[in-house]
C-alpha cells in the first residue's frame, strides 16, 4: 500500500521518465517540498504488486498528498495547480489557458506515450533497434512540429507569453528527451530551440533534470 504520509507530498518517480520530469519541474517551480521515492523501471519495480496498488497502470509518476493519491501526470499537474495556486501556471485569459492545456495534452498524449519504454521495447523486440529509434524520432518530430506551429506568433519569453506556463513545464521535459535521449537536432524548430535555452536559465527546471535526481546513475 502507499505510504500514508501526512503533511508531505510524496512523488514516485524514475530519474529518466519524462512524465516524472515534468512533475518535478512543476513541484519545484511552485516551491513545494516533496519526498522522492524511486521506482526503477529498468528493474521492473513498476510491476511490483505493492506499486500496482499505487498505480494500476504500472507507470510513474504517482503523487501522494495525505490520503489523496493521483497516478497520472496531467491529473497531478491540474491537482497541484488547483491546490497550490499561489504561483499559477495557467493564465486567466481563456485563450492562453486553452493553448497551455492543448500543448500539455499534445505532449502527454500525442508524443510521450508513443516513445515510452514499453512501446520502444516492443518495437525493438519485433523490428530491431534501428526501427525502434526511427519510430521514436518520427513520433517526437510530428509532435514538436505541431507545437512549433501552434506557438508561431504567440510565444514570448516562454511558450505562451513572458511568464512560465503549464505548456513550458510539459515542453521542457519533452524537448530535453528529444535532445539528450534521441540525439535530435531541434534547431529546425526555432521557437522550441529558443525556449529550451530559456528553460536552462530557470533553477527550478534545472533541479528537475534527470541527471540531478537521487536515483540517477553517477555517470548520467
N, C-alpha and C. Protein backbone atom coordinates (compact mmCIF):
# COMPACT_ATOMS: atom_id res chain seq x y z
N UNK A 1 0.84 -1.20 0.00
CA UNK A 1 0.00 0.00 0.00
C UNK A 1 0.87 1.25 0.00
N UNK A 2 0.29 2.36 -0.43
CA UNK A 2 1.04 3.62 -0.44
C UNK A 2 1.34 4.06 0.97
N UNK A 3 2.48 4.74 1.13
CA UNK A 3 2.83 5.31 2.42
C UNK A 3 1.82 6.40 2.76
N UNK A 4 1.28 6.35 3.94
CA UNK A 4 0.27 7.34 4.33
C UNK A 4 0.95 8.52 5.03
N UNK A 5 1.80 9.21 4.27
CA UNK A 5 2.48 10.38 4.80
C UNK A 5 1.51 11.53 4.99
N UNK A 6 1.68 12.27 6.05
CA UNK A 6 0.81 13.42 6.31
C UNK A 6 1.67 14.68 6.31
N UNK A 7 1.19 15.68 5.61
CA UNK A 7 1.88 16.95 5.61
C UNK A 7 3.04 17.02 4.63
N UNK A 8 3.32 15.96 3.92
CA UNK A 8 4.41 15.97 2.96
C UNK A 8 3.97 15.29 1.68
N UNK A 9 4.26 15.93 0.57
CA UNK A 9 3.99 15.32 -0.72
C UNK A 9 5.02 14.23 -0.98
N UNK A 10 4.57 13.14 -1.55
CA UNK A 10 5.46 12.03 -1.91
C UNK A 10 5.33 11.79 -3.40
N UNK A 11 6.45 11.83 -4.09
CA UNK A 11 6.46 11.62 -5.54
C UNK A 11 7.16 10.31 -5.86
N UNK A 12 6.44 9.42 -6.52
CA UNK A 12 7.01 8.19 -7.05
C UNK A 12 7.52 8.51 -8.44
N UNK A 13 8.81 8.34 -8.64
CA UNK A 13 9.44 8.85 -9.84
C UNK A 13 10.55 7.92 -10.31
N UNK A 14 10.94 8.09 -11.56
CA UNK A 14 12.13 7.44 -12.10
C UNK A 14 12.94 8.54 -12.78
N UNK A 15 14.23 8.56 -12.55
CA UNK A 15 15.05 9.70 -12.96
C UNK A 15 14.91 10.03 -14.44
N UNK A 16 14.78 9.01 -15.29
CA UNK A 16 14.78 9.23 -16.73
C UNK A 16 13.39 9.38 -17.34
N UNK A 17 12.37 9.17 -16.55
CA UNK A 17 10.99 9.28 -17.03
C UNK A 17 10.64 10.72 -17.32
N UNK A 18 10.27 11.02 -18.57
CA UNK A 18 9.91 12.40 -18.91
C UNK A 18 8.59 12.80 -18.27
N UNK A 19 7.71 11.82 -18.01
CA UNK A 19 6.46 12.13 -17.30
C UNK A 19 6.74 12.55 -15.87
N UNK A 20 7.69 11.86 -15.23
CA UNK A 20 8.09 12.25 -13.88
C UNK A 20 8.83 13.58 -13.91
N UNK A 21 9.65 13.77 -14.94
CA UNK A 21 10.43 15.00 -15.10
C UNK A 21 9.51 16.22 -15.07
N UNK A 22 8.40 16.16 -15.80
CA UNK A 22 7.52 17.34 -15.88
C UNK A 22 6.90 17.66 -14.52
N UNK A 23 6.60 16.63 -13.74
CA UNK A 23 6.02 16.88 -12.42
C UNK A 23 7.07 17.40 -11.45
N UNK A 24 8.30 16.94 -11.57
CA UNK A 24 9.37 17.50 -10.74
C UNK A 24 9.54 19.00 -11.03
N UNK A 25 9.48 19.37 -12.31
CA UNK A 25 9.57 20.79 -12.66
C UNK A 25 8.45 21.57 -11.98
N UNK A 26 7.24 21.05 -12.09
CA UNK A 26 6.08 21.75 -11.54
C UNK A 26 6.19 21.91 -10.04
N UNK A 27 6.57 20.84 -9.35
CA UNK A 27 6.72 20.91 -7.89
C UNK A 27 7.78 21.94 -7.51
N UNK A 28 8.91 21.88 -8.21
CA UNK A 28 9.99 22.83 -7.91
C UNK A 28 9.57 24.27 -8.17
N UNK A 29 8.91 24.50 -9.29
CA UNK A 29 8.53 25.85 -9.67
C UNK A 29 7.54 26.45 -8.68
N UNK A 30 6.67 25.62 -8.16
CA UNK A 30 5.70 26.09 -7.18
C UNK A 30 6.29 26.15 -5.77
N UNK A 31 7.54 25.72 -5.64
CA UNK A 31 8.20 25.78 -4.33
C UNK A 31 7.67 24.77 -3.34
N UNK A 32 7.22 23.63 -3.82
CA UNK A 32 6.63 22.61 -2.97
C UNK A 32 7.67 21.55 -2.59
N UNK A 33 7.82 21.30 -1.31
CA UNK A 33 8.73 20.26 -0.86
C UNK A 33 8.07 18.90 -1.01
N UNK A 34 8.87 17.92 -1.37
CA UNK A 34 8.32 16.57 -1.53
C UNK A 34 9.40 15.53 -1.26
N UNK A 35 8.92 14.36 -0.91
CA UNK A 35 9.81 13.22 -0.73
C UNK A 35 9.87 12.44 -2.03
N UNK A 36 11.07 12.11 -2.43
CA UNK A 36 11.29 11.39 -3.70
C UNK A 36 11.38 9.90 -3.42
N UNK A 37 10.52 9.14 -4.05
CA UNK A 37 10.59 7.68 -3.93
C UNK A 37 10.85 7.10 -5.33
N UNK A 38 12.01 6.50 -5.48
CA UNK A 38 12.42 5.99 -6.79
C UNK A 38 11.73 4.67 -7.11
N UNK A 39 11.30 4.57 -8.37
CA UNK A 39 10.75 3.32 -8.91
C UNK A 39 11.58 3.00 -10.14
N UNK A 40 12.41 1.98 -10.04
CA UNK A 40 13.34 1.65 -11.12
C UNK A 40 12.61 0.89 -12.23
N UNK A 41 12.35 1.59 -13.32
CA UNK A 41 11.61 0.96 -14.42
C UNK A 41 12.41 -0.12 -15.12
N UNK A 42 13.73 0.04 -15.19
CA UNK A 42 14.56 -0.96 -15.86
C UNK A 42 14.60 -2.27 -15.08
N UNK A 43 14.44 -2.18 -13.77
CA UNK A 43 14.41 -3.39 -12.94
C UNK A 43 13.00 -3.95 -12.78
N UNK A 44 12.02 -3.28 -13.39
CA UNK A 44 10.65 -3.76 -13.34
C UNK A 44 9.93 -3.51 -12.03
N UNK A 45 10.41 -2.53 -11.25
CA UNK A 45 9.78 -2.28 -9.96
C UNK A 45 8.35 -1.76 -10.10
N UNK A 46 8.00 -1.27 -11.29
CA UNK A 46 6.64 -0.80 -11.53
C UNK A 46 5.63 -1.94 -11.57
N UNK A 47 6.14 -3.16 -11.73
CA UNK A 47 5.26 -4.33 -11.78
C UNK A 47 5.08 -5.00 -10.42
N UNK A 48 5.74 -4.48 -9.41
CA UNK A 48 5.60 -5.00 -8.06
C UNK A 48 4.14 -4.82 -7.61
N UNK A 49 3.53 -5.84 -7.03
CA UNK A 49 2.13 -5.72 -6.61
C UNK A 49 1.88 -4.54 -5.68
N UNK A 50 2.88 -4.19 -4.87
CA UNK A 50 2.70 -3.05 -3.97
C UNK A 50 2.60 -1.75 -4.76
N UNK A 51 3.41 -1.63 -5.82
CA UNK A 51 3.31 -0.42 -6.63
C UNK A 51 2.04 -0.43 -7.47
N UNK A 52 1.57 -1.59 -7.86
CA UNK A 52 0.32 -1.67 -8.62
C UNK A 52 -0.84 -1.12 -7.81
N UNK A 53 -0.76 -1.20 -6.48
CA UNK A 53 -1.79 -0.61 -5.64
C UNK A 53 -1.73 0.92 -5.72
N UNK A 54 -0.54 1.44 -5.97
CA UNK A 54 -0.38 2.89 -6.10
C UNK A 54 -0.85 3.36 -7.47
N UNK A 55 -0.42 2.64 -8.50
CA UNK A 55 -0.86 2.95 -9.86
C UNK A 55 -1.16 1.67 -10.62
N UNK A 56 -2.43 1.33 -10.81
CA UNK A 56 -2.78 0.11 -11.54
C UNK A 56 -2.26 0.07 -12.97
N UNK A 57 -1.94 1.25 -13.54
CA UNK A 57 -1.36 1.29 -14.89
C UNK A 57 0.13 0.94 -14.89
N UNK A 58 0.73 0.89 -13.70
CA UNK A 58 2.14 0.49 -13.53
C UNK A 58 3.09 1.46 -14.23
N UNK A 59 2.77 2.74 -14.11
CA UNK A 59 3.61 3.81 -14.66
C UNK A 59 4.01 4.76 -13.53
N UNK A 60 5.04 5.55 -13.79
CA UNK A 60 5.32 6.72 -12.97
C UNK A 60 5.04 7.94 -13.83
N UNK A 61 4.74 9.07 -13.19
CA UNK A 61 4.79 9.34 -11.77
C UNK A 61 3.47 9.01 -11.06
N UNK A 62 3.56 9.01 -9.75
CA UNK A 62 2.37 8.99 -8.89
C UNK A 62 2.65 9.95 -7.76
N UNK A 63 1.63 10.63 -7.30
CA UNK A 63 1.78 11.61 -6.23
C UNK A 63 0.83 11.28 -5.08
N UNK A 64 1.40 11.25 -3.88
CA UNK A 64 0.61 11.04 -2.67
C UNK A 64 0.61 12.32 -1.87
N UNK A 65 -0.58 12.83 -1.59
CA UNK A 65 -0.75 14.05 -0.80
C UNK A 65 -1.71 13.71 0.33
N UNK A 66 -1.17 13.32 1.48
CA UNK A 66 -2.02 12.88 2.58
C UNK A 66 -2.74 11.60 2.18
N UNK A 67 -4.07 11.67 2.12
CA UNK A 67 -4.83 10.49 1.71
C UNK A 67 -5.29 10.59 0.26
N UNK A 68 -4.73 11.54 -0.49
CA UNK A 68 -5.05 11.69 -1.90
C UNK A 68 -3.92 11.12 -2.74
N UNK A 69 -4.25 10.17 -3.60
CA UNK A 69 -3.27 9.52 -4.45
C UNK A 69 -3.66 9.72 -5.90
N UNK A 70 -2.74 10.27 -6.69
CA UNK A 70 -3.00 10.55 -8.10
C UNK A 70 -1.89 9.92 -8.91
N UNK A 71 -2.25 9.19 -9.95
CA UNK A 71 -1.24 8.45 -10.72
C UNK A 71 -1.37 8.74 -12.21
N UNK A 72 -1.24 9.99 -12.57
CA UNK A 72 -1.25 10.41 -13.97
C UNK A 72 -0.69 11.83 -14.00
N UNK A 73 0.29 12.08 -14.87
CA UNK A 73 0.98 13.37 -14.80
C UNK A 73 0.08 14.55 -15.11
N UNK A 74 -0.84 14.40 -16.05
CA UNK A 74 -1.73 15.51 -16.38
C UNK A 74 -2.68 15.80 -15.21
N UNK A 75 -3.21 14.73 -14.62
CA UNK A 75 -4.11 14.90 -13.47
C UNK A 75 -3.35 15.47 -12.28
N UNK A 76 -2.10 15.03 -12.08
CA UNK A 76 -1.29 15.57 -11.00
C UNK A 76 -1.07 17.08 -11.19
N UNK A 77 -0.75 17.45 -12.43
CA UNK A 77 -0.49 18.86 -12.72
C UNK A 77 -1.71 19.72 -12.41
N UNK A 78 -2.88 19.28 -12.82
CA UNK A 78 -4.10 20.07 -12.58
C UNK A 78 -4.45 20.09 -11.10
N UNK A 79 -4.22 18.99 -10.42
CA UNK A 79 -4.47 18.93 -8.97
C UNK A 79 -3.59 19.94 -8.23
N UNK A 80 -2.31 19.94 -8.56
CA UNK A 80 -1.38 20.86 -7.90
C UNK A 80 -1.68 22.32 -8.26
N UNK A 81 -2.12 22.54 -9.47
CA UNK A 81 -2.48 23.90 -9.89
C UNK A 81 -3.68 24.40 -9.08
N UNK A 82 -4.64 23.52 -8.85
CA UNK A 82 -5.83 23.91 -8.08
C UNK A 82 -5.51 24.09 -6.59
N UNK A 83 -4.70 23.19 -6.05
CA UNK A 83 -4.45 23.22 -4.61
C UNK A 83 -3.43 24.27 -4.21
N UNK A 84 -2.49 24.54 -5.11
CA UNK A 84 -1.42 25.48 -4.80
C UNK A 84 -1.38 26.57 -5.87
N UNK A 85 -2.37 27.47 -5.86
CA UNK A 85 -2.49 28.48 -6.91
C UNK A 85 -1.62 29.72 -6.71
N UNK A 86 -0.83 29.74 -5.63
CA UNK A 86 -0.07 30.95 -5.30
C UNK A 86 0.91 31.32 -6.43
N UNK A 87 1.47 30.31 -7.09
CA UNK A 87 2.33 30.54 -8.25
C UNK A 87 1.64 29.84 -9.42
N UNK A 88 0.74 30.54 -10.10
CA UNK A 88 -0.09 29.89 -11.12
C UNK A 88 0.68 29.55 -12.39
N UNK A 89 0.27 28.47 -13.02
CA UNK A 89 0.84 28.05 -14.29
C UNK A 89 -0.18 28.10 -15.42
N UNK A 90 -1.42 28.36 -15.06
CA UNK A 90 -2.47 28.52 -16.07
C UNK A 90 -2.97 29.97 -16.01
N UNK A 91 -2.88 30.71 -17.11
CA UNK A 91 -3.30 32.12 -17.11
C UNK A 91 -4.82 32.26 -17.01
N UNK A 92 -5.26 33.43 -16.60
CA UNK A 92 -6.70 33.71 -16.51
C UNK A 92 -7.31 33.89 -17.89
N UNK A 93 -6.53 34.42 -18.82
CA UNK A 93 -7.01 34.59 -20.19
C UNK A 93 -7.39 33.24 -20.77
N UNK A 94 -8.64 33.09 -21.18
CA UNK A 94 -9.14 31.77 -21.60
C UNK A 94 -8.44 31.23 -22.85
N UNK A 95 -8.10 32.13 -23.76
CA UNK A 95 -7.41 31.68 -24.97
C UNK A 95 -6.02 31.13 -24.64
N UNK A 96 -5.29 31.85 -23.80
CA UNK A 96 -3.96 31.39 -23.41
C UNK A 96 -4.04 30.13 -22.55
N UNK A 97 -5.05 30.09 -21.69
CA UNK A 97 -5.24 28.91 -20.85
C UNK A 97 -5.48 27.67 -21.72
N UNK A 98 -6.36 27.81 -22.72
CA UNK A 98 -6.65 26.69 -23.61
C UNK A 98 -5.41 26.25 -24.38
N UNK A 99 -4.58 27.22 -24.79
CA UNK A 99 -3.36 26.88 -25.52
C UNK A 99 -2.39 26.12 -24.63
N UNK A 100 -2.27 26.54 -23.38
CA UNK A 100 -1.42 25.81 -22.44
C UNK A 100 -1.90 24.38 -22.25
N UNK A 101 -3.19 24.21 -22.09
CA UNK A 101 -3.75 22.87 -21.90
C UNK A 101 -3.59 22.03 -23.16
N UNK A 102 -3.75 22.65 -24.32
CA UNK A 102 -3.61 21.93 -25.58
C UNK A 102 -2.18 21.42 -25.76
N UNK A 103 -1.21 22.28 -25.49
CA UNK A 103 0.18 21.87 -25.66
C UNK A 103 0.55 20.79 -24.65
N UNK A 104 0.12 20.95 -23.41
CA UNK A 104 0.38 19.92 -22.41
C UNK A 104 -0.23 18.59 -22.83
N UNK A 105 -1.43 18.65 -23.37
CA UNK A 105 -2.10 17.43 -23.82
C UNK A 105 -1.38 16.78 -25.00
N UNK A 106 -0.89 17.59 -25.93
CA UNK A 106 -0.14 17.05 -27.07
C UNK A 106 1.08 16.28 -26.57
N UNK A 107 1.78 16.86 -25.62
CA UNK A 107 2.98 16.20 -25.09
C UNK A 107 2.62 14.90 -24.38
N UNK A 108 1.63 14.96 -23.50
CA UNK A 108 1.38 13.80 -22.65
C UNK A 108 0.48 12.74 -23.28
N UNK A 109 -0.13 13.07 -24.42
CA UNK A 109 -0.96 12.03 -25.07
C UNK A 109 -0.57 11.78 -26.52
N UNK A 110 0.03 12.80 -27.19
CA UNK A 110 0.34 12.64 -28.61
C UNK A 110 1.81 12.45 -28.93
N UNK A 111 2.68 12.61 -27.92
CA UNK A 111 4.12 12.43 -28.16
C UNK A 111 4.70 11.38 -27.21
N UNK A 112 4.74 11.71 -25.94
CA UNK A 112 5.46 10.87 -24.97
C UNK A 112 5.01 9.42 -24.91
N UNK A 113 3.70 9.11 -24.89
CA UNK A 113 3.30 7.70 -24.80
C UNK A 113 3.75 6.87 -26.00
N UNK A 114 3.98 7.54 -27.13
CA UNK A 114 4.35 6.81 -28.35
C UNK A 114 5.83 6.43 -28.38
N UNK A 115 6.60 6.95 -27.40
CA UNK A 115 8.00 6.53 -27.35
C UNK A 115 8.40 6.18 -25.91
N UNK A 116 7.43 5.72 -25.12
CA UNK A 116 7.80 5.33 -23.77
C UNK A 116 8.49 3.97 -23.77
N UNK A 117 8.97 3.56 -22.63
CA UNK A 117 9.80 2.36 -22.54
C UNK A 117 9.10 1.12 -23.05
N UNK A 118 7.84 0.94 -22.68
CA UNK A 118 7.11 -0.26 -23.08
C UNK A 118 6.95 -0.33 -24.60
N UNK A 119 6.62 0.80 -25.21
CA UNK A 119 6.44 0.84 -26.67
C UNK A 119 7.76 0.55 -27.38
N UNK A 120 8.83 1.21 -26.94
CA UNK A 120 10.12 1.02 -27.61
C UNK A 120 10.66 -0.39 -27.42
N UNK A 121 10.44 -0.96 -26.26
CA UNK A 121 10.87 -2.35 -26.05
C UNK A 121 10.14 -3.30 -26.98
N UNK A 122 8.85 -3.05 -27.18
CA UNK A 122 8.05 -3.90 -28.06
C UNK A 122 8.53 -3.78 -29.50
N UNK A 123 8.76 -2.55 -29.95
CA UNK A 123 9.22 -2.33 -31.33
C UNK A 123 10.59 -2.96 -31.53
N UNK A 124 11.46 -2.81 -30.56
CA UNK A 124 12.80 -3.41 -30.68
C UNK A 124 12.72 -4.93 -30.76
N UNK A 125 11.85 -5.51 -29.97
CA UNK A 125 11.68 -6.96 -29.98
C UNK A 125 11.18 -7.45 -31.33
N UNK A 126 10.26 -6.71 -31.93
CA UNK A 126 9.65 -7.14 -33.19
C UNK A 126 10.46 -6.74 -34.42
N UNK A 127 11.08 -5.54 -34.36
CA UNK A 127 11.68 -4.99 -35.58
C UNK A 127 13.16 -4.63 -35.47
N UNK A 128 13.70 -4.59 -34.25
CA UNK A 128 15.10 -4.26 -34.09
C UNK A 128 15.32 -2.84 -33.59
N UNK A 129 16.55 -2.57 -33.15
CA UNK A 129 16.86 -1.29 -32.51
C UNK A 129 16.80 -0.12 -33.48
N UNK A 130 17.18 -0.33 -34.74
CA UNK A 130 17.14 0.77 -35.70
C UNK A 130 15.72 1.26 -35.92
N UNK A 131 14.80 0.33 -36.07
CA UNK A 131 13.40 0.70 -36.26
C UNK A 131 12.83 1.35 -34.99
N UNK A 132 13.31 0.89 -33.84
CA UNK A 132 12.87 1.47 -32.58
C UNK A 132 13.21 2.95 -32.53
N UNK A 133 14.44 3.28 -32.83
CA UNK A 133 14.88 4.67 -32.78
C UNK A 133 14.19 5.52 -33.84
N UNK A 134 14.02 4.94 -35.03
CA UNK A 134 13.36 5.68 -36.11
C UNK A 134 11.91 5.99 -35.73
N UNK A 135 11.25 5.03 -35.10
CA UNK A 135 9.87 5.24 -34.66
C UNK A 135 9.81 6.39 -33.65
N UNK A 136 10.68 6.36 -32.64
CA UNK A 136 10.66 7.37 -31.60
C UNK A 136 10.89 8.77 -32.18
N UNK A 137 11.89 8.88 -33.04
CA UNK A 137 12.21 10.19 -33.63
C UNK A 137 11.06 10.69 -34.49
N UNK A 138 10.43 9.79 -35.23
CA UNK A 138 9.31 10.19 -36.08
C UNK A 138 8.15 10.73 -35.25
N UNK A 139 7.82 10.04 -34.16
CA UNK A 139 6.70 10.48 -33.32
C UNK A 139 7.00 11.81 -32.64
N UNK A 140 8.22 11.95 -32.13
CA UNK A 140 8.59 13.20 -31.48
C UNK A 140 8.59 14.34 -32.48
N UNK A 141 9.11 14.09 -33.68
CA UNK A 141 9.18 15.13 -34.71
C UNK A 141 7.80 15.63 -35.08
N UNK A 142 6.85 14.73 -35.26
CA UNK A 142 5.49 15.14 -35.61
C UNK A 142 4.88 16.03 -34.53
N UNK A 143 5.10 15.64 -33.28
CA UNK A 143 4.53 16.42 -32.18
C UNK A 143 5.18 17.78 -32.03
N UNK A 144 6.51 17.81 -32.11
CA UNK A 144 7.20 19.09 -31.96
C UNK A 144 6.89 20.03 -33.11
N UNK A 145 6.73 19.49 -34.31
CA UNK A 145 6.37 20.33 -35.46
C UNK A 145 5.01 20.97 -35.25
N UNK A 146 4.08 20.21 -34.69
CA UNK A 146 2.74 20.73 -34.42
C UNK A 146 2.80 21.85 -33.38
N UNK A 147 3.57 21.64 -32.32
CA UNK A 147 3.67 22.65 -31.28
C UNK A 147 4.35 23.91 -31.81
N UNK A 148 5.38 23.73 -32.63
CA UNK A 148 6.06 24.88 -33.22
C UNK A 148 5.06 25.76 -33.99
N UNK A 149 4.16 25.14 -34.73
CA UNK A 149 3.16 25.89 -35.48
C UNK A 149 2.17 26.58 -34.54
N UNK A 150 1.80 25.91 -33.47
CA UNK A 150 0.85 26.49 -32.52
C UNK A 150 1.43 27.74 -31.84
N UNK A 151 2.73 27.73 -31.64
CA UNK A 151 3.36 28.83 -30.91
C UNK A 151 3.77 29.99 -31.81
N UNK A 152 3.68 29.80 -33.10
CA UNK A 152 4.09 30.85 -34.03
C UNK A 152 3.26 32.10 -33.81
N UNK A 153 3.95 33.18 -33.51
CA UNK A 153 3.27 34.46 -33.34
C UNK A 153 2.70 34.72 -31.96
N UNK A 154 2.76 33.74 -31.05
CA UNK A 154 2.18 33.97 -29.72
C UNK A 154 3.17 33.75 -28.60
N UNK A 155 4.30 33.13 -28.89
CA UNK A 155 5.29 32.88 -27.84
C UNK A 155 5.96 34.19 -27.44
N UNK A 156 6.25 34.30 -26.15
CA UNK A 156 7.02 35.42 -25.65
C UNK A 156 8.36 34.90 -25.17
N UNK A 157 8.75 35.31 -23.99
CA UNK A 157 9.97 34.76 -23.41
C UNK A 157 9.81 33.26 -23.22
N UNK A 158 8.57 32.87 -22.91
CA UNK A 158 8.24 31.46 -22.74
C UNK A 158 7.16 31.07 -23.75
N UNK A 159 6.59 29.91 -23.61
CA UNK A 159 5.76 29.35 -24.68
C UNK A 159 4.56 30.22 -25.04
N UNK A 160 3.84 30.70 -24.03
CA UNK A 160 2.61 31.44 -24.33
C UNK A 160 2.63 32.86 -23.80
N UNK A 161 3.81 33.36 -23.52
CA UNK A 161 3.94 34.72 -23.01
C UNK A 161 5.24 34.90 -22.27
N UNK A 162 5.28 35.89 -21.40
CA UNK A 162 6.50 36.20 -20.67
C UNK A 162 6.54 35.59 -19.28
N UNK A 163 5.54 34.77 -18.96
CA UNK A 163 5.53 34.04 -17.70
C UNK A 163 5.52 32.54 -18.00
N UNK A 164 6.18 31.78 -17.13
CA UNK A 164 6.19 30.32 -17.28
C UNK A 164 4.77 29.80 -17.12
N UNK A 165 4.36 28.95 -18.05
CA UNK A 165 3.04 28.35 -18.01
C UNK A 165 3.11 26.84 -18.01
N UNK A 166 1.96 26.22 -17.92
CA UNK A 166 1.92 24.75 -17.90
C UNK A 166 2.52 24.17 -19.18
N UNK A 167 2.35 24.87 -20.30
CA UNK A 167 2.93 24.40 -21.56
C UNK A 167 4.44 24.27 -21.44
N UNK A 168 5.08 25.20 -20.74
CA UNK A 168 6.53 25.16 -20.58
C UNK A 168 6.96 23.95 -19.75
N UNK A 169 6.21 23.65 -18.72
CA UNK A 169 6.52 22.51 -17.86
C UNK A 169 6.53 21.22 -18.67
N UNK A 170 5.54 21.06 -19.54
CA UNK A 170 5.45 19.83 -20.34
C UNK A 170 6.45 19.85 -21.49
N UNK A 171 6.65 21.00 -22.09
CA UNK A 171 7.59 21.08 -23.21
C UNK A 171 9.03 20.86 -22.77
N UNK A 172 9.39 21.40 -21.63
CA UNK A 172 10.78 21.32 -21.18
C UNK A 172 11.26 19.88 -21.10
N UNK A 173 10.45 19.02 -20.51
CA UNK A 173 10.86 17.62 -20.36
C UNK A 173 10.88 16.90 -21.70
N UNK A 174 9.95 17.23 -22.59
CA UNK A 174 9.90 16.56 -23.89
C UNK A 174 11.06 17.00 -24.79
N UNK A 175 11.36 18.29 -24.79
CA UNK A 175 12.48 18.78 -25.59
C UNK A 175 13.79 18.18 -25.07
N UNK A 176 13.92 18.12 -23.76
CA UNK A 176 15.12 17.53 -23.16
C UNK A 176 15.29 16.08 -23.62
N UNK A 177 14.20 15.31 -23.59
CA UNK A 177 14.26 13.91 -24.01
C UNK A 177 14.66 13.79 -25.47
N UNK A 178 14.13 14.70 -26.30
CA UNK A 178 14.46 14.67 -27.72
C UNK A 178 15.94 14.90 -27.95
N UNK A 179 16.49 15.87 -27.22
CA UNK A 179 17.90 16.23 -27.41
C UNK A 179 18.83 15.21 -26.78
N UNK A 180 18.59 14.87 -25.52
CA UNK A 180 19.52 14.04 -24.77
C UNK A 180 19.39 12.56 -25.06
N UNK A 181 18.15 12.09 -25.16
CA UNK A 181 17.96 10.65 -25.34
C UNK A 181 17.95 10.25 -26.80
N UNK A 182 17.33 11.06 -27.65
CA UNK A 182 17.20 10.70 -29.06
C UNK A 182 18.22 11.40 -29.95
N UNK A 183 19.03 12.28 -29.35
CA UNK A 183 20.09 12.99 -30.09
C UNK A 183 19.53 13.76 -31.29
N UNK A 184 18.35 14.34 -31.11
CA UNK A 184 17.71 15.08 -32.19
C UNK A 184 18.23 16.51 -32.25
N UNK A 185 18.31 17.04 -33.45
CA UNK A 185 18.66 18.44 -33.67
C UNK A 185 17.37 19.23 -33.73
N UNK A 186 17.10 20.02 -32.72
CA UNK A 186 15.83 20.75 -32.70
C UNK A 186 15.95 22.16 -33.27
N UNK A 187 17.07 22.45 -33.90
CA UNK A 187 17.23 23.79 -34.49
C UNK A 187 16.23 24.04 -35.61
N UNK A 188 15.64 22.97 -36.16
CA UNK A 188 14.62 23.14 -37.19
C UNK A 188 13.31 23.66 -36.61
N UNK A 189 13.22 23.68 -35.27
CA UNK A 189 12.08 24.26 -34.57
C UNK A 189 12.60 25.47 -33.80
N UNK A 190 12.74 26.61 -34.44
CA UNK A 190 13.43 27.76 -33.82
C UNK A 190 12.79 28.25 -32.53
N UNK A 191 11.47 28.22 -32.46
CA UNK A 191 10.81 28.66 -31.23
C UNK A 191 11.12 27.71 -30.08
N UNK A 192 11.04 26.41 -30.35
CA UNK A 192 11.30 25.42 -29.31
C UNK A 192 12.78 25.44 -28.90
N UNK A 193 13.65 25.66 -29.85
CA UNK A 193 15.08 25.73 -29.54
C UNK A 193 15.36 26.92 -28.62
N UNK A 194 14.69 28.04 -28.90
CA UNK A 194 14.86 29.23 -28.06
C UNK A 194 14.30 28.98 -26.66
N UNK A 195 13.15 28.32 -26.60
CA UNK A 195 12.56 28.02 -25.30
C UNK A 195 13.46 27.10 -24.48
N UNK A 196 14.07 26.13 -25.14
CA UNK A 196 14.97 25.20 -24.44
C UNK A 196 16.09 25.97 -23.74
N UNK A 197 16.63 26.96 -24.41
CA UNK A 197 17.69 27.78 -23.81
C UNK A 197 17.15 28.59 -22.63
N UNK A 198 15.92 29.06 -22.76
CA UNK A 198 15.31 29.83 -21.66
C UNK A 198 15.10 28.93 -20.44
N UNK A 199 14.70 27.69 -20.67
CA UNK A 199 14.48 26.77 -19.55
C UNK A 199 15.78 26.46 -18.81
N UNK A 200 16.88 26.50 -19.53
CA UNK A 200 18.17 26.21 -18.90
C UNK A 200 18.57 27.28 -17.90
N UNK A 201 17.89 28.42 -17.93
CA UNK A 201 18.22 29.52 -17.03
C UNK A 201 17.34 29.53 -15.78
N UNK A 202 16.40 28.60 -15.68
CA UNK A 202 15.46 28.59 -14.55
C UNK A 202 15.90 27.54 -13.53
N UNK A 203 16.26 27.94 -12.32
CA UNK A 203 16.75 26.98 -11.32
C UNK A 203 15.79 25.82 -11.05
N UNK A 204 14.49 26.09 -11.00
CA UNK A 204 13.52 25.03 -10.72
C UNK A 204 13.53 23.97 -11.82
N UNK A 205 13.75 24.40 -13.04
CA UNK A 205 13.82 23.46 -14.16
C UNK A 205 15.11 22.66 -14.10
N UNK A 206 16.20 23.34 -13.76
CA UNK A 206 17.49 22.66 -13.69
C UNK A 206 17.52 21.61 -12.59
N UNK A 207 16.92 21.91 -11.45
CA UNK A 207 16.90 20.97 -10.33
C UNK A 207 16.11 19.70 -10.67
N UNK A 208 15.19 19.82 -11.63
CA UNK A 208 14.35 18.68 -12.01
C UNK A 208 14.97 17.79 -13.08
N UNK A 209 16.12 18.18 -13.63
CA UNK A 209 16.74 17.42 -14.70
C UNK A 209 17.03 15.98 -14.27
N UNK A 210 16.90 15.04 -15.18
CA UNK A 210 17.14 13.63 -14.84
C UNK A 210 18.45 13.37 -14.13
N UNK A 211 19.52 13.98 -14.62
CA UNK A 211 20.83 13.71 -14.03
C UNK A 211 20.98 14.25 -12.62
N UNK A 212 20.06 15.10 -12.19
CA UNK A 212 20.13 15.67 -10.85
C UNK A 212 19.26 14.95 -9.84
N UNK A 213 18.72 13.79 -10.20
CA UNK A 213 17.84 13.06 -9.31
C UNK A 213 18.62 12.03 -8.49
N UNK A 214 18.11 11.70 -7.29
CA UNK A 214 18.85 10.80 -6.41
C UNK A 214 19.05 9.40 -6.95
N UNK A 215 18.18 8.97 -7.87
CA UNK A 215 18.32 7.61 -8.41
C UNK A 215 19.06 7.59 -9.75
N UNK A 216 19.58 8.73 -10.18
CA UNK A 216 20.32 8.77 -11.46
C UNK A 216 21.67 8.10 -11.29
N UNK A 217 22.09 7.32 -12.27
CA UNK A 217 23.44 6.74 -12.22
C UNK A 217 24.48 7.84 -12.12
N UNK A 218 25.55 7.58 -11.45
CA UNK A 218 26.56 8.60 -11.24
C UNK A 218 27.17 9.09 -12.53
N UNK A 219 27.10 8.24 -13.58
CA UNK A 219 27.69 8.61 -14.87
C UNK A 219 26.72 9.40 -15.74
N UNK A 220 25.47 9.61 -15.26
CA UNK A 220 24.47 10.29 -16.10
C UNK A 220 24.83 11.74 -16.31
